[in-house]
Amino acid sequence: MPPRSPYDNLVHPRTQKKPVPTVEAEKDLVVEDPSSGFVGAVVRCEKDVVHLEDRHGRVRGYPLGPGFWVEGRPVVLVRPKAAAPVVPTRSASGSTYVAGARARVAREGRIYVEGKHDAELVEKVWGHDLRIEGVVVEPLHGVDDLPGIVKEFRPSSGRRLGVLVDHLVTGSKESRIAGQITGDHALVVGHPFIDIWQAVKPSVVGIKAWPTVPKGEDWKTGVCRRLGWEDDTGYVWAQRILARVRTWTDLEPQLIGRVEELIDFVTTD
C-alpha cells in the first residue's frame, strides 16, 4: 500500500458542505415547503408540528425538522424556546413591585372599609403594597357599627386605625360619625360615591356613565335593571366590574387618594 499523504484529509472550501442553520418557528415567520411549493406564515407551533397559513387562508401542518426554506435558504425548523416569565416592575397600584418579597408580619394597625366589595377592590389594586407594609384590611358591615369598633380597638401610637366610608358628604350621617371618631390615632376618610361600584370608571365596564337611580330604590339593583345586567348583584360585581379592573388607572381619583392616605396613616410609626 502506498503511504498516506498529509494532504489526503484536506477538502476544498467549495466542496465542503455548510451546516443547515436552525430557526425557531416563531409566529408569523414565513416558511416554504419546497417539496410542495406551499408558502405560509407560522400560525402556531405544537410539540412536533408547525402549522403554516398561506395568503388564501389555507392552513397545513408539517413535522418540525429539516426540509424547509426561509428567505430562499434551507433551514431546520425547531420549536421556539419558552419565553422567560416577565417580572412586573410596577404593582397594580403603580408602586414599585418587590419581586419575591415575603409578606411583613401584620401591624397592629388596621384599615376598615365599608363592605365586602370595597375590601375586594382594595385588595386587587393595593394588595401588594398592603402585604409589603403588613397592613390588614377588614370589611366594616355598616358605618353605624363604627363607634363600637373604635371603642373596642382602642387606637393608640403604633396601633392606628383607618376607615374608608362610602358616600361621605357634608351633612350626612356618615360625616357626623366620622367627625366624632377622627383623632390623632384614628382617621375616617371617604369618597363621594353612593357605592364602591361607582369608583370604577364607566369606560372600564363598557358603559358611558353610571345610571341615575332615584332615592329610595336599591342602588345596585337599580343599576342592573337600567343597564340590562343580571339580577344577581354579587355576580355582576365579580364578573362585570371587579374582573375588568387591572390597575389604579381603572379607578376614579377620589378613591385612589383616600386609600393612599389611609395606608400612609396606619403605617406611620
Protein backbone atom coordinates (compact mmCIF):
# COMPACT_ATOMS: atom_id res chain seq x y z
CA MET A 1 0.00 0.00 0.00
CA PRO A 2 1.37 3.42 -0.87
CA PRO A 3 1.97 5.69 2.13
CA ARG A 4 -0.81 8.24 3.01
CA SER A 5 -0.19 11.79 2.00
CA PRO A 6 -0.51 14.53 4.68
CA TYR A 7 -2.85 16.27 2.20
CA ASP A 8 -5.38 13.40 1.95
CA ASN A 9 -7.75 14.91 4.57
CA LEU A 10 -7.88 18.38 3.07
CA VAL A 11 -11.24 19.42 1.49
CA HIS A 12 -11.60 22.25 -0.95
CA PRO A 13 -13.76 25.08 0.51
CA ARG A 14 -16.10 24.94 -2.50
CA THR A 15 -16.90 21.28 -1.91
CA GLN A 16 -17.29 21.49 1.87
CA LYS A 17 -20.97 21.42 2.95
CA LYS A 18 -22.09 24.11 5.37
CA PRO A 19 -24.35 23.04 8.22
CA VAL A 20 -28.03 23.89 7.74
CA PRO A 21 -28.98 26.63 10.21
CA THR A 22 -31.61 26.05 12.89
CA VAL A 23 -34.51 28.53 13.01
CA GLU A 24 -37.18 28.77 15.69
CA ALA A 25 -40.72 28.53 14.31
CA GLU A 26 -41.85 31.87 15.73
CA LYS A 27 -45.36 33.14 14.98
CA ASP A 28 -45.65 34.97 11.62
CA LEU A 29 -42.33 33.59 10.30
CA VAL A 30 -42.77 32.98 6.53
CA VAL A 31 -41.72 29.43 5.61
CA GLU A 32 -41.68 27.46 2.33
CA ASP A 33 -42.08 23.70 1.90
CA PRO A 34 -40.06 23.21 -1.33
CA SER A 35 -41.42 19.69 -1.91
CA SER A 36 -44.98 21.03 -2.38
CA GLY A 37 -44.32 24.69 -3.07
CA PHE A 38 -46.59 25.68 -0.17
CA VAL A 39 -45.61 29.02 1.38
CA GLY A 40 -47.18 30.27 4.58
CA ALA A 41 -46.67 32.09 7.85
CA VAL A 42 -46.38 30.22 11.13
CA VAL A 43 -49.69 30.47 13.00
CA ARG A 44 -48.91 28.04 15.82
CA CYS A 45 -46.34 25.50 16.85
CA GLU A 46 -47.22 22.37 18.77
CA LYS A 47 -44.95 19.70 20.26
CA ASP A 48 -43.73 18.23 16.95
CA VAL A 49 -45.84 20.06 14.34
CA VAL A 50 -45.74 23.53 12.84
CA HIS A 51 -48.87 24.99 11.21
CA LEU A 52 -48.50 27.34 8.25
CA GLU A 53 -51.18 29.61 6.76
CA ASP A 54 -50.88 30.88 3.18
CA ARG A 55 -52.26 34.13 1.76
CA HIS A 56 -55.54 32.39 0.87
CA GLY A 57 -56.16 31.36 4.47
CA ARG A 58 -55.33 27.67 3.94
CA VAL A 59 -53.55 26.03 6.89
CA ARG A 60 -51.29 23.00 6.65
CA GLY A 61 -49.36 21.14 9.34
CA TYR A 62 -45.81 19.86 8.87
CA PRO A 63 -43.45 17.89 11.14
CA LEU A 64 -40.77 20.08 12.65
CA GLY A 65 -37.23 19.44 11.45
CA PRO A 66 -35.29 19.78 8.17
CA GLY A 67 -36.73 20.28 4.70
CA PHE A 68 -37.92 23.93 4.90
CA TRP A 69 -36.76 27.14 3.32
CA VAL A 70 -36.73 30.58 4.89
CA GLU A 71 -35.80 33.55 2.68
CA GLY A 72 -34.70 31.14 -0.07
CA ARG A 73 -32.31 29.13 2.11
CA PRO A 74 -32.73 25.66 3.65
CA VAL A 75 -33.30 25.59 7.40
CA VAL A 76 -34.20 23.21 10.20
CA LEU A 77 -37.34 24.35 11.98
CA VAL A 78 -37.47 23.82 15.75
CA ARG A 79 -39.91 24.75 18.49
CA PRO A 80 -39.44 28.29 19.87
CA LYS A 81 -37.82 28.49 23.28
CA ALA A 82 -40.24 29.19 26.11
CA ALA A 83 -40.25 32.89 26.92
CA ALA A 84 -38.84 33.80 30.29
CA PRO A 85 -41.56 34.91 32.70
CA VAL A 86 -41.97 38.67 32.75
CA VAL A 87 -41.37 40.09 36.20
CA PRO A 88 -43.58 43.14 36.75
CA THR A 89 -41.82 46.36 37.70
CA ARG A 90 -44.98 48.08 38.94
CA SER A 91 -47.78 46.79 41.12
CA ALA A 92 -51.44 47.33 40.29
CA SER A 93 -51.38 50.47 42.45
CA GLY A 94 -48.47 51.92 40.46
CA SER A 95 -45.89 51.39 43.22
CA THR A 96 -42.56 49.63 42.69
CA TYR A 97 -43.11 45.87 42.60
CA VAL A 98 -40.89 43.99 45.05
CA ALA A 99 -40.28 40.58 43.44
CA GLY A 100 -40.07 37.62 45.81
CA ALA A 101 -40.79 39.69 48.89
CA ARG A 102 -42.46 37.94 51.78
CA ALA A 103 -45.46 39.49 53.46
CA ARG A 104 -44.49 41.51 56.50
CA VAL A 105 -45.82 40.41 59.87
CA ALA A 106 -49.14 42.20 60.31
CA ARG A 107 -49.06 45.53 62.10
CA GLU A 108 -51.35 46.22 64.99
CA GLY A 109 -52.90 49.00 62.93
CA ARG A 110 -55.86 48.19 60.69
CA ILE A 111 -57.84 49.60 57.81
CA TYR A 112 -61.61 49.07 57.77
CA VAL A 113 -63.64 49.51 54.59
CA GLU A 114 -67.41 49.61 54.23
CA GLY A 115 -68.36 46.21 52.83
CA LYS A 116 -67.04 43.10 51.13
CA HIS A 117 -66.89 44.66 47.66
CA ASP A 118 -64.80 47.54 48.97
CA ALA A 119 -62.36 45.10 50.59
CA GLU A 120 -62.05 43.05 47.38
CA LEU A 121 -61.32 46.12 45.27
CA VAL A 122 -58.71 47.44 47.69
CA GLU A 123 -57.05 44.02 47.79
CA LYS A 124 -56.96 43.71 44.00
CA VAL A 125 -55.31 47.08 43.43
CA TRP A 126 -53.32 47.66 46.63
CA GLY A 127 -52.80 44.06 47.80
CA HIS A 128 -49.06 44.02 47.02
CA ASP A 129 -48.48 47.26 48.93
CA LEU A 130 -50.53 46.09 51.90
CA ARG A 131 -48.57 42.85 52.23
CA ILE A 132 -45.24 44.66 51.99
CA GLU A 133 -46.36 47.09 54.70
CA GLY A 134 -48.05 44.45 56.84
CA VAL A 135 -51.46 46.14 56.79
CA VAL A 136 -54.65 44.10 57.22
CA VAL A 137 -57.90 45.30 55.61
CA GLU A 138 -61.19 44.22 57.15
CA PRO A 139 -64.77 44.84 55.97
CA LEU A 140 -67.00 47.11 58.03
CA HIS A 141 -70.61 45.96 57.92
CA GLY A 142 -72.27 49.34 58.27
CA VAL A 143 -70.99 52.69 59.46
CA ASP A 144 -73.34 52.55 62.46
CA ASP A 145 -71.04 49.87 63.94
CA LEU A 146 -68.02 52.15 63.74
CA PRO A 147 -68.17 53.78 67.19
CA GLY A 148 -68.29 50.38 68.88
CA ILE A 149 -65.42 49.06 66.74
CA VAL A 150 -63.25 52.06 67.57
CA LYS A 151 -64.01 51.73 71.29
CA GLU A 152 -63.07 48.05 71.23
CA PHE A 153 -59.99 48.57 69.04
CA ARG A 154 -58.61 51.38 71.25
CA PRO A 155 -56.36 53.17 68.71
CA SER A 156 -53.03 54.43 70.01
CA SER A 157 -49.49 55.21 68.89
CA GLY A 158 -48.29 52.23 66.84
CA ARG A 159 -51.85 50.94 66.70
CA ARG A 160 -53.55 53.27 64.28
CA LEU A 161 -56.96 52.77 62.77
CA GLY A 162 -58.02 53.95 59.31
CA VAL A 163 -61.55 53.76 57.95
CA LEU A 164 -62.85 54.18 54.38
CA VAL A 165 -66.53 55.15 54.17
CA ASP A 166 -68.86 55.23 51.16
CA HIS A 167 -70.72 58.43 50.24
CA LEU A 168 -69.00 60.64 52.79
CA VAL A 169 -70.54 64.04 52.03
CA THR A 170 -71.05 67.11 54.19
CA GLY A 171 -74.09 66.94 56.46
CA SER A 172 -74.61 63.19 56.10
CA LYS A 173 -74.90 60.69 58.96
CA GLU A 174 -71.58 59.24 57.85
CA SER A 175 -69.86 62.63 58.12
CA ARG A 176 -71.19 63.19 61.66
CA ILE A 177 -69.91 59.79 62.81
CA ALA A 178 -66.56 60.40 61.12
CA GLY A 179 -66.21 63.70 62.95
CA GLN A 180 -66.73 62.01 66.31
CA ILE A 181 -64.07 59.37 65.71
CA THR A 182 -61.22 61.04 63.80
CA GLY A 183 -58.30 61.95 66.05
CA ASP A 184 -54.55 61.54 66.47
CA HIS A 185 -54.65 57.75 66.09
CA ALA A 186 -57.88 57.21 64.13
CA LEU A 187 -58.72 58.59 60.70
CA VAL A 188 -62.01 58.30 58.83
CA VAL A 189 -61.99 59.32 55.17
CA GLY A 190 -64.47 58.68 52.40
CA HIS A 191 -65.33 59.05 48.76
CA PRO A 192 -68.42 60.75 47.32
CA PHE A 193 -69.79 57.69 45.52
CA ILE A 194 -73.04 56.06 46.61
CA ASP A 195 -71.38 52.65 46.28
CA ILE A 196 -67.87 51.40 45.54
CA TRP A 197 -69.11 50.30 42.08
CA GLN A 198 -69.12 53.96 41.07
CA ALA A 199 -65.43 54.28 41.93
CA VAL A 200 -64.68 52.13 38.86
CA LYS A 201 -64.54 54.26 35.72
CA PRO A 202 -67.60 53.62 33.49
CA SER A 203 -65.42 53.01 30.42
CA VAL A 204 -63.75 50.08 32.19
CA VAL A 205 -67.07 48.20 32.38
CA GLY A 206 -68.17 49.26 28.90
CA ILE A 207 -70.73 51.97 29.70
CA LYS A 208 -70.81 55.73 29.11
CA ALA A 209 -71.86 56.59 32.66
CA TRP A 210 -73.31 55.02 35.78
CA PRO A 211 -77.11 55.34 35.67
CA THR A 212 -79.01 57.66 37.98
CA VAL A 213 -81.13 55.69 40.46
CA PRO A 214 -83.92 57.54 42.34
CA LYS A 215 -83.52 57.91 46.10
CA GLY A 216 -85.32 55.11 47.94
CA GLU A 217 -84.58 52.48 45.31
CA ASP A 218 -81.79 50.00 45.99
CA TRP A 219 -78.90 51.48 44.03
CA LYS A 220 -77.22 48.27 42.85
CA THR A 221 -80.50 46.66 41.84
CA GLY A 222 -81.48 49.84 40.01
CA VAL A 223 -78.18 49.98 38.15
CA CYS A 224 -78.52 46.36 36.99
CA ARG A 225 -82.10 46.94 35.85
CA ARG A 226 -81.24 50.05 33.85
CA LEU A 227 -78.18 48.50 32.21
CA GLY A 228 -79.91 45.20 31.45
CA TRP A 229 -77.46 43.27 33.64
CA GLU A 230 -78.17 40.15 35.69
CA ASP A 231 -80.27 40.40 38.86
CA ASP A 232 -77.52 38.80 40.95
CA THR A 233 -75.53 41.81 42.15
CA GLY A 234 -72.78 39.57 43.54
CA TYR A 235 -72.26 38.03 40.10
CA VAL A 236 -72.36 41.45 38.43
CA TRP A 237 -69.71 42.79 40.79
CA ALA A 238 -67.39 39.80 40.40
CA GLN A 239 -67.75 39.25 36.64
CA ARG A 240 -68.74 42.57 35.10
CA ILE A 241 -66.89 45.03 37.33
CA LEU A 242 -64.09 43.67 39.53
CA ALA A 243 -62.85 41.23 36.85
CA ARG A 244 -62.22 44.16 34.49
CA VAL A 245 -60.19 46.23 36.96
CA ARG A 246 -56.48 45.80 36.30
CA THR A 247 -54.67 48.77 37.86
CA TRP A 248 -55.25 52.03 39.72
CA THR A 249 -55.81 53.76 36.37
CA ASP A 250 -59.19 51.98 36.15
CA LEU A 251 -60.41 53.80 39.27
CA GLU A 252 -61.63 57.32 39.95
CA PRO A 253 -59.08 59.68 41.58
CA GLN A 254 -61.41 60.36 44.53
CA LEU A 255 -60.99 56.77 45.69
CA ILE A 256 -57.28 56.42 44.87
CA GLY A 257 -56.31 59.40 47.01
CA ARG A 258 -58.31 58.23 50.02
CA VAL A 259 -56.86 54.70 50.03
CA GLU A 260 -53.30 56.02 49.69
CA GLU A 261 -53.99 58.43 52.56
CA LEU A 262 -55.16 55.61 54.83
CA ILE A 263 -52.16 53.40 54.02
CA ASP A 264 -49.79 56.26 54.83
CA PHE A 265 -51.67 56.98 58.07
CA VAL A 266 -51.64 53.48 59.53
CA THR A 267 -48.01 52.83 58.55
CA THR A 268 -46.72 55.97 60.28
CA ASP A 269 -44.96 54.89 63.46
